[in-house]
Amino acid sequence: MKIFTYTIKDDKGLHARPAGLLVKEAKMFNSKITIEANDKIADLKRIFAIMSLGVKFGTPITITIDGEDEEAAAIALEYHIRTNL
């Protein structure tokens, strides 16, 4: 299991466009991937679940990856989040 945290730095938070790109990235992996924010947990492969979290600027998020390709998924997703959010 791989876990990393990040605080959202995008002024608009995790809105539809970056959430869609994040889902696209997550779907490339077979591992179970979740995002936690505001005391809620959502499947990172489902855009509506992510949008329901209400992630705004300054919100800390925790990504948890568990599965056969968790190492590769953690590297790719952490890079994607740090460069886009």
PDB file of N, CA and C in Angstrom:
ATOM      1  N   MET A   1       0.838  -1.174   0.000  1.00  0.00           N
ATOM      2  CA  MET A   1       0.000   0.000   0.000  1.00  0.00           C
ATOM      3  C   MET A   1       0.885   1.239   0.000  1.00  0.00           C
ATOM      4  N   LYS A   2       0.544   2.172  -0.858  1.00  0.00           N
ATOM      5  CA  LYS A   2       1.272   3.442  -0.949  1.00  0.00           C
ATOM      6  C   LYS A   2       0.314   4.569  -0.587  1.00  0.00           C
ATOM      7  N   ILE A   3       0.807   5.524   0.190  1.00  0.00           N
ATOM      8  CA  ILE A   3      -0.007   6.662   0.613  1.00  0.00           C
ATOM      9  C   ILE A   3       0.830   7.924   0.481  1.00  0.00           C
ATOM     10  N   PHE A   4       0.223   8.982  -0.075  1.00  0.00           N
ATOM     11  CA  PHE A   4       0.887  10.274  -0.052  1.00  0.00           C
ATOM     12  C   PHE A   4      -0.148  11.371   0.138  1.00  0.00           C
ATOM     13  N   THR A   5       0.310  12.493   0.680  1.00  0.00           N
ATOM     14  CA  THR A   5      -0.579  13.626   0.918  1.00  0.00           C
ATOM     15  C   THR A   5      -0.086  14.826   0.133  1.00  0.00           C
ATOM     16  N   TYR A   6      -1.003  15.722  -0.135  1.00  0.00           N
ATOM     17  CA  TYR A   6      -0.687  16.930  -0.885  1.00  0.00           C
ATOM     18  C   TYR A   6      -1.715  17.988  -0.521  1.00  0.00           C
ATOM     19  N   THR A   7      -1.299  19.231  -0.449  1.00  0.00           N
ATOM     20  CA  THR A   7      -2.214  20.342  -0.215  1.00  0.00           C
ATOM     21  C   THR A   7      -2.454  21.056  -1.537  1.00  0.00           C
ATOM     22  N   ILE A   8      -3.712  21.198  -1.915  1.00  0.00           N
ATOM     23  CA  ILE A   8      -4.095  21.780  -3.201  1.00  0.00           C
ATOM     24  C   ILE A   8      -3.631  23.230  -3.282  1.00  0.00           C
ATOM     25  N   LYS A   9      -2.897  23.548  -4.339  1.00  0.00           N
ATOM     26  CA  LYS A   9      -2.353  24.889  -4.530  1.00  0.00           C
ATOM     27  C   LYS A   9      -3.045  25.652  -5.663  1.00  0.00           C
ATOM     28  N   ASP A  10      -3.877  24.977  -6.439  1.00  0.00           N
ATOM     29  CA  ASP A  10      -4.625  25.613  -7.521  1.00  0.00           C
ATOM     30  C   ASP A  10      -5.704  26.520  -6.912  1.00  0.00           C
ATOM     31  N   ASP A  11      -5.761  27.765  -7.373  1.00  0.00           N
ATOM     32  CA  ASP A  11      -6.733  28.733  -6.843  1.00  0.00           C
ATOM     33  C   ASP A  11      -8.175  28.248  -6.933  1.00  0.00           C
ATOM     34  N   LYS A  12      -8.481  27.446  -7.941  1.00  0.00           N
ATOM     35  CA  LYS A  12      -9.854  26.981  -8.160  1.00  0.00           C
ATOM     36  C   LYS A  12     -10.128  25.635  -7.488  1.00  0.00           C
ATOM     37  N   GLY A  13      -9.142  25.079  -6.838  1.00  0.00           N
ATOM     38  CA  GLY A  13      -9.315  23.788  -6.187  1.00  0.00           C
ATOM     39  C   GLY A  13      -9.320  22.656  -7.201  1.00  0.00           C
ATOM     40  N   LEU A  14      -9.937  21.560  -6.833  1.00  0.00           N
ATOM     41  CA  LEU A  14     -10.008  20.385  -7.706  1.00  0.00           C
ATOM     42  C   LEU A  14     -11.351  20.430  -8.431  1.00  0.00           C
ATOM     43  N   HIS A  15     -11.418  21.256  -9.479  1.00  0.00           N
ATOM     44  CA  HIS A  15     -12.654  21.421 -10.240  1.00  0.00           C
ATOM     45  C   HIS A  15     -12.721  20.404 -11.381  1.00  0.00           C
ATOM     46  N   ALA A  16     -13.720  20.491 -12.223  1.00  0.00           N
ATOM     47  CA  ALA A  16     -14.036  19.452 -13.215  1.00  0.00           C
ATOM     48  C   ALA A  16     -12.880  19.076 -14.141  1.00  0.00           C
ATOM     49  N   ARG A  17     -12.222  20.050 -14.740  1.00  0.00           N
ATOM     50  CA  ARG A  17     -11.170  19.724 -15.712  1.00  0.00           C
ATOM     51  C   ARG A  17     -10.006  18.958 -15.076  1.00  0.00           C
ATOM     52  N   PRO A  18      -9.390  19.465 -14.006  1.00  0.00           N
ATOM     53  CA  PRO A  18      -8.293  18.693 -13.415  1.00  0.00           C
ATOM     54  C   PRO A  18      -8.761  17.374 -12.809  1.00  0.00           C
ATOM     55  N   ALA A  19      -9.988  17.337 -12.319  1.00  0.00           N
ATOM     56  CA  ALA A  19     -10.518  16.078 -11.779  1.00  0.00           C
ATOM     57  C   ALA A  19     -10.641  15.046 -12.888  1.00  0.00           C
ATOM     58  N   GLY A  20     -11.097  15.478 -14.067  1.00  0.00           N
ATOM     59  CA  GLY A  20     -11.214  14.573 -15.207  1.00  0.00           C
ATOM     60  C   GLY A  20      -9.868  14.033 -15.644  1.00  0.00           C
ATOM     61  N   LEU A  21      -8.863  14.893 -15.653  1.00  0.00           N
ATOM     62  CA  LEU A  21      -7.516  14.454 -16.021  1.00  0.00           C
ATOM     63  C   LEU A  21      -6.942  13.495 -14.978  1.00  0.00           C
ATOM     64  N   LEU A  22      -7.261  13.740 -13.731  1.00  0.00           N
ATOM     65  CA  LEU A  22      -6.797  12.870 -12.657  1.00  0.00           C
ATOM     66  C   LEU A  22      -7.449  11.487 -12.760  1.00  0.00           C
ATOM     67  N   VAL A  23      -8.730  11.456 -13.073  1.00  0.00           N
ATOM     68  CA  VAL A  23      -9.437  10.189 -13.270  1.00  0.00           C
ATOM     69  C   VAL A  23      -8.817   9.419 -14.433  1.00  0.00           C
ATOM     70  N   LYS A  24      -8.537  10.121 -15.516  1.00  0.00           N
ATOM     71  CA  LYS A  24      -7.933   9.494 -16.695  1.00  0.00           C
ATOM     72  C   LYS A  24      -6.590   8.859 -16.329  1.00  0.00           C
ATOM     73  N   GLU A  25      -5.808   9.560 -15.549  1.00  0.00           N
ATOM     74  CA  GLU A  25      -4.508   9.043 -15.103  1.00  0.00           C
ATOM     75  C   GLU A  25      -4.699   7.816 -14.203  1.00  0.00           C
ATOM     76  N   ALA A  26      -5.637   7.891 -13.264  1.00  0.00           N
ATOM     77  CA  ALA A  26      -5.870   6.790 -12.325  1.00  0.00           C
ATOM     78  C   ALA A  26      -6.366   5.530 -13.028  1.00  0.00           C
ATOM     79  N   LYS A  27      -7.157   5.696 -14.067  1.00  0.00           N
ATOM     80  CA  LYS A  27      -7.717   4.546 -14.782  1.00  0.00           C
ATOM     81  C   LYS A  27      -6.672   3.748 -15.553  1.00  0.00           C
ATOM     82  N   MET A  28      -5.478   4.278 -15.670  1.00  0.00           N
ATOM     83  CA  MET A  28      -4.405   3.567 -16.355  1.00  0.00           C
ATOM     84  C   MET A  28      -3.839   2.431 -15.497  1.00  0.00           C
ATOM     85  N   PHE A  29      -4.240   2.378 -14.232  1.00  0.00           N
ATOM     86  CA  PHE A  29      -3.680   1.395 -13.302  1.00  0.00           C
ATOM     87  C   PHE A  29      -4.763   0.457 -12.773  1.00  0.00           C
ATOM     88  N   ASN A  30      -4.358  -0.766 -12.432  1.00  0.00           N
ATOM     89  CA  ASN A  30      -5.283  -1.773 -11.932  1.00  0.00           C
ATOM     90  C   ASN A  30      -5.515  -1.660 -10.423  1.00  0.00           C
ATOM     91  N   SER A  31      -4.647  -0.984  -9.731  1.00  0.00           N
ATOM     92  CA  SER A  31      -4.751  -0.857  -8.275  1.00  0.00           C
ATOM     93  C   SER A  31      -6.012  -0.104  -7.867  1.00  0.00           C
ATOM     94  N   LYS A  32      -6.453  -0.375  -6.632  1.00  0.00           N
ATOM     95  CA  LYS A  32      -7.545   0.398  -6.045  1.00  0.00           C
ATOM     96  C   LYS A  32      -6.939   1.723  -5.580  1.00  0.00           C
ATOM     97  N   ILE A  33      -7.533   2.840  -6.017  1.00  0.00           N
ATOM     98  CA  ILE A  33      -6.985   4.155  -5.705  1.00  0.00           C
ATOM     99  C   ILE A  33      -8.097   5.022  -5.118  1.00  0.00           C
ATOM    100  N   THR A  34      -7.845   5.561  -3.939  1.00  0.00           N
ATOM    101  CA  THR A  34      -8.836   6.428  -3.303  1.00  0.00           C
ATOM    102  C   THR A  34      -8.231   7.781  -2.976  1.00  0.00           C
ATOM    103  N   ILE A  35      -9.105   8.766  -2.856  1.00  0.00           N
ATOM    104  CA  ILE A  35      -8.711  10.110  -2.444  1.00  0.00           C
ATOM    105  C   ILE A  35      -9.528  10.464  -1.215  1.00  0.00           C
ATOM    106  N   GLU A  36      -8.867  11.051  -0.242  1.00  0.00           N
ATOM    107  CA  GLU A  36      -9.548  11.466   0.977  1.00  0.00           C
ATOM    108  C   GLU A  36      -9.362  12.961   1.164  1.00  0.00           C
ATOM    109  N   ALA A  37     -10.467  13.649   1.431  1.00  0.00           N
ATOM    110  CA  ALA A  37     -10.437  15.084   1.702  1.00  0.00           C
ATOM    111  C   ALA A  37     -11.696  15.458   2.468  1.00  0.00           C
ATOM    112  N   ASN A  38     -11.600  16.418   3.328  1.00  0.00           N
ATOM    113  CA  ASN A  38     -12.761  16.899   4.095  1.00  0.00           C
ATOM    114  C   ASN A  38     -13.487  15.755   4.814  1.00  0.00           C
ATOM    115  N   ASP A  39     -12.726  14.825   5.370  1.00  0.00           N
ATOM    116  CA  ASP A  39     -13.262  13.675   6.113  1.00  0.00           C
ATOM    117  C   ASP A  39     -14.154  12.767   5.271  1.00  0.00           C
ATOM    118  N   LYS A  40     -13.948  12.774   3.954  1.00  0.00           N
ATOM    119  CA  LYS A  40     -14.682  11.893   3.044  1.00  0.00           C
ATOM    120  C   LYS A  40     -13.671  11.141   2.182  1.00  0.00           C
ATOM    121  N   ILE A  41     -14.061   9.949   1.740  1.00  0.00           N
ATOM    122  CA  ILE A  41     -13.206   9.140   0.872  1.00  0.00           C
ATOM    123  C   ILE A  41     -13.962   8.842  -0.412  1.00  0.00           C
ATOM    124  N   ALA A  42     -13.243   8.927  -1.552  1.00  0.00           N
ATOM    125  CA  ALA A  42     -13.857   8.667  -2.852  1.00  0.00           C
ATOM    126  C   ALA A  42     -12.921   7.845  -3.726  1.00  0.00           C
ATOM    127  N   ASP A  43     -13.507   7.124  -4.660  1.00  0.00           N
ATOM    128  CA  ASP A  43     -12.761   6.356  -5.656  1.00  0.00           C
ATOM    129  C   ASP A  43     -12.167   7.347  -6.654  1.00  0.00           C
ATOM    130  N   LEU A  44     -10.859   7.304  -6.835  1.00  0.00           N
ATOM    131  CA  LEU A  44     -10.189   8.252  -7.726  1.00  0.00           C
ATOM    132  C   LEU A  44     -10.475   7.977  -9.201  1.00  0.00           C
ATOM    133  N   LYS A  45     -11.145   6.887  -9.490  1.00  0.00           N
ATOM    134  CA  LYS A  45     -11.476   6.550 -10.874  1.00  0.00           C
ATOM    135  C   LYS A  45     -12.895   6.975 -11.243  1.00  0.00           C
ATOM    136  N   ARG A  46     -13.553   7.726 -10.352  1.00  0.00           N
ATOM    137  CA  ARG A  46     -14.930   8.172 -10.581  1.00  0.00           C
ATOM    138  C   ARG A  46     -15.022   9.684 -10.381  1.00  0.00           C
ATOM    139  N   ILE A  47     -15.249  10.419 -11.468  1.00  0.00           N
ATOM    140  CA  ILE A  47     -15.224  11.879 -11.407  1.00  0.00           C
ATOM    141  C   ILE A  47     -16.293  12.453 -10.486  1.00  0.00           C
ATOM    142  N   PHE A  48     -17.498  11.902 -10.507  1.00  0.00           N
ATOM    143  CA  PHE A  48     -18.545  12.449  -9.649  1.00  0.00           C
ATOM    144  C   PHE A  48     -18.233  12.240  -8.176  1.00  0.00           C
ATOM    145  N   ALA A  49     -17.572  11.148  -7.867  1.00  0.00           N
ATOM    146  CA  ALA A  49     -17.168  10.893  -6.480  1.00  0.00           C
ATOM    147  C   ALA A  49     -16.137  11.935  -6.039  1.00  0.00           C
ATOM    148  N   ILE A  50     -15.207  12.250  -6.928  1.00  0.00           N
ATOM    149  CA  ILE A  50     -14.184  13.251  -6.612  1.00  0.00           C
ATOM    150  C   ILE A  50     -14.818  14.629  -6.435  1.00  0.00           C
ATOM    151  N   MET A  51     -15.709  14.984  -7.344  1.00  0.00           N
ATOM    152  CA  MET A  51     -16.350  16.294  -7.284  1.00  0.00           C
ATOM    153  C   MET A  51     -17.181  16.457  -6.000  1.00  0.00           C
ATOM    154  N   SER A  52     -17.721  15.358  -5.490  1.00  0.00           N
ATOM    155  CA  SER A  52     -18.545  15.430  -4.278  1.00  0.00           C
ATOM    156  C   SER A  52     -17.728  15.759  -3.026  1.00  0.00           C
ATOM    157  N   LEU A  53     -16.406  15.658  -3.120  1.00  0.00           N
ATOM    158  CA  LEU A  53     -15.543  15.966  -1.969  1.00  0.00           C
ATOM    159  C   LEU A  53     -15.439  17.465  -1.702  1.00  0.00           C
ATOM    160  N   GLY A  54     -15.668  18.281  -2.714  1.00  0.00           N
ATOM    161  CA  GLY A  54     -15.589  19.727  -2.540  1.00  0.00           C
ATOM    162  C   GLY A  54     -14.199  20.220  -2.194  1.00  0.00           C
ATOM    163  N   VAL A  55     -13.199  19.763  -2.931  1.00  0.00           N
ATOM    164  CA  VAL A  55     -11.806  20.109  -2.643  1.00  0.00           C
ATOM    165  C   VAL A  55     -11.494  21.513  -3.157  1.00  0.00           C
ATOM    166  N   LYS A  56     -11.168  22.403  -2.241  1.00  0.00           N
ATOM    167  CA  LYS A  56     -10.866  23.807  -2.553  1.00  0.00           C
ATOM    168  C   LYS A  56      -9.374  24.085  -2.363  1.00  0.00           C
ATOM    169  N   PHE A  57      -8.962  25.293  -2.716  1.00  0.00           N
ATOM    170  CA  PHE A  57      -7.590  25.746  -2.501  1.00  0.00           C
ATOM    171  C   PHE A  57      -7.223  25.563  -1.022  1.00  0.00           C
ATOM    172  N   GLY A  58      -6.057  24.999  -0.774  1.00  0.00           N
ATOM    173  CA  GLY A  58      -5.561  24.825   0.589  1.00  0.00           C
ATOM    174  C   GLY A  58      -6.039  23.566   1.286  1.00  0.00           C
ATOM    175  N   THR A  59      -6.869  22.782   0.615  1.00  0.00           N
ATOM    176  CA  THR A  59      -7.378  21.540   1.209  1.00  0.00           C
ATOM    177  C   THR A  59      -6.323  20.439   1.102  1.00  0.00           C
ATOM    178  N   PRO A  60      -5.984  19.798   2.204  1.00  0.00           N
ATOM    179  CA  PRO A  60      -5.072  18.655   2.113  1.00  0.00           C
ATOM    180  C   PRO A  60      -5.826  17.420   1.609  1.00  0.00           C
ATOM    181  N   ILE A  61      -5.203  16.683   0.712  1.00  0.00           N
ATOM    182  CA  ILE A  61      -5.781  15.438   0.206  1.00  0.00           C
ATOM    183  C   ILE A  61      -4.811  14.302   0.498  1.00  0.00           C
ATOM    184  N   THR A  62      -5.351  13.113   0.649  1.00  0.00           N
ATOM    185  CA  THR A  62      -4.542  11.914   0.840  1.00  0.00           C
ATOM    186  C   THR A  62      -4.931  10.916  -0.230  1.00  0.00           C
ATOM    187  N   ILE A  63      -3.943  10.433  -0.963  1.00  0.00           N
ATOM    188  CA  ILE A  63      -4.154   9.431  -1.999  1.00  0.00           C
ATOM    189  C   ILE A  63      -3.635   8.100  -1.459  1.00  0.00           C
ATOM    190  N   THR A  64      -4.460   7.062  -1.547  1.00  0.00           N
ATOM    191  CA  THR A  64      -4.088   5.719  -1.112  1.00  0.00           C
ATOM    192  C   THR A  64      -4.190   4.787  -2.307  1.00  0.00           C
ATOM    193  N   ILE A  65      -3.122   4.033  -2.541  1.00  0.00           N
ATOM    194  CA  ILE A  65      -3.050   3.125  -3.680  1.00  0.00           C
ATOM    195  C   ILE A  65      -2.708   1.737  -3.159  1.00  0.00           C
ATOM    196  N   ASP A  66      -3.521   0.762  -3.558  1.00  0.00           N
ATOM    197  CA  ASP A  66      -3.311  -0.597  -3.088  1.00  0.00           C
ATOM    198  C   ASP A  66      -3.563  -1.567  -4.239  1.00  0.00           C
ATOM    199  N   GLY A  67      -2.528  -2.322  -4.610  1.00  0.00           N
ATOM    200  CA  GLY A  67      -2.702  -3.299  -5.678  1.00  0.00           C
ATOM    201  C   GLY A  67      -1.396  -3.685  -6.333  1.00  0.00           C
ATOM    202  N   GLU A  68      -1.518  -4.427  -7.406  1.00  0.00           N
ATOM    203  CA  GLU A  68      -0.359  -5.006  -8.083  1.00  0.00           C
ATOM    204  C   GLU A  68       0.588  -3.982  -8.706  1.00  0.00           C
ATOM    205  N   ASP A  69       0.060  -2.857  -9.152  1.00  0.00           N
ATOM    206  CA  ASP A  69       0.910  -1.838  -9.784  1.00  0.00           C
ATOM    207  C   ASP A  69       0.964  -0.549  -8.956  1.00  0.00           C
ATOM    208  N   GLU A  70       0.872  -0.693  -7.636  1.00  0.00           N
ATOM    209  CA  GLU A  70       0.816   0.470  -6.753  1.00  0.00           C
ATOM    210  C   GLU A  70       2.054   1.356  -6.824  1.00  0.00           C
ATOM    211  N   GLU A  71       3.213   0.755  -7.010  1.00  0.00           N
ATOM    212  CA  GLU A  71       4.448   1.553  -7.071  1.00  0.00           C
ATOM    213  C   GLU A  71       4.421   2.499  -8.271  1.00  0.00           C
ATOM    214  N   ALA A  72       4.131   1.966  -9.436  1.00  0.00           N
ATOM    215  CA  ALA A  72       4.062   2.787 -10.653  1.00  0.00           C
ATOM    216  C   ALA A  72       2.936   3.805 -10.559  1.00  0.00           C
ATOM    217  N   ALA A  73       1.805   3.397 -10.018  1.00  0.00           N
ATOM    218  CA  ALA A  73       0.665   4.307  -9.877  1.00  0.00           C
ATOM    219  C   ALA A  73       1.005   5.456  -8.936  1.00  0.00           C
ATOM    220  N   ALA A  74       1.672   5.163  -7.835  1.00  0.00           N
ATOM    221  CA  ALA A  74       2.037   6.199  -6.869  1.00  0.00           C
ATOM    222  C   ALA A  74       2.962   7.230  -7.500  1.00  0.00           C
ATOM    223  N   ILE A  75       3.943   6.767  -8.244  1.00  0.00           N
ATOM    224  CA  ILE A  75       4.885   7.684  -8.896  1.00  0.00           C
ATOM    225  C   ILE A  75       4.156   8.567  -9.900  1.00  0.00           C
ATOM    226  N   ALA A  76       3.353   7.955 -10.758  1.00  0.00           N
ATOM    227  CA  ALA A  76       2.648   8.702 -11.809  1.00  0.00           C
ATOM    228  C   ALA A  76       1.632   9.683 -11.229  1.00  0.00           C
ATOM    229  N   LEU A  77       0.854   9.235 -10.271  1.00  0.00           N
ATOM    230  CA  LEU A  77      -0.184  10.110  -9.710  1.00  0.00           C
ATOM    231  C   LEU A  77       0.400  11.244  -8.879  1.00  0.00           C
ATOM    232  N   GLU A  78       1.434  10.952  -8.114  1.00  0.00           N
ATOM    233  CA  GLU A  78       2.052  12.019  -7.322  1.00  0.00           C
ATOM    234  C   GLU A  78       2.654  13.074  -8.247  1.00  0.00           C
ATOM    235  N   TYR A  79       3.301  12.646  -9.309  1.00  0.00           N
ATOM    236  CA  TYR A  79       3.853  13.595 -10.281  1.00  0.00           C
ATOM    237  C   TYR A  79       2.730  14.423 -10.905  1.00  0.00           C
ATOM    238  N   HIS A  80       1.660  13.742 -11.333  1.00  0.00           N
ATOM    239  CA  HIS A  80       0.534  14.443 -11.972  1.00  0.00           C
ATOM    240  C   HIS A  80      -0.081  15.471 -11.024  1.00  0.00           C
ATOM    241  N   ILE A  81      -0.307  15.094  -9.790  1.00  0.00           N
ATOM    242  CA  ILE A  81      -0.931  16.003  -8.832  1.00  0.00           C
ATOM    243  C   ILE A  81      -0.021  17.188  -8.531  1.00  0.00           C
ATOM    244  N   ARG A  82       1.243  16.923  -8.299  1.00  0.00           N
ATOM    245  CA  ARG A  82       2.174  18.011  -7.957  1.00  0.00           C
ATOM    246  C   ARG A  82       2.378  19.004  -9.107  1.00  0.00           C
ATOM    247  N   THR A  83       2.279  18.545 -10.338  1.00  0.00           N
ATOM    248  CA  THR A  83       2.501  19.443 -11.476  1.00  0.00           C
ATOM    249  C   THR A  83       1.213  20.127 -11.954  1.00  0.00           C
ATOM    250  N   ASN A  84       0.040  19.595 -11.583  1.00  0.00           N
ATOM    251  CA  ASN A  84      -1.209  20.156 -12.083  1.00  0.00           C
ATOM    252  C   ASN A  84      -2.128  20.762 -11.038  1.00  0.00           C
ATOM    253  N   LEU A  85      -1.893  20.480  -9.786  1.00  0.00           N
ATOM    254  CA  LEU A  85      -2.786  21.004  -8.760  1.00  0.00           C
ATOM    255  C   LEU A  85      -2.045  21.818  -7.718  1.00  0.00           C
TER     256      LEU A  85
END
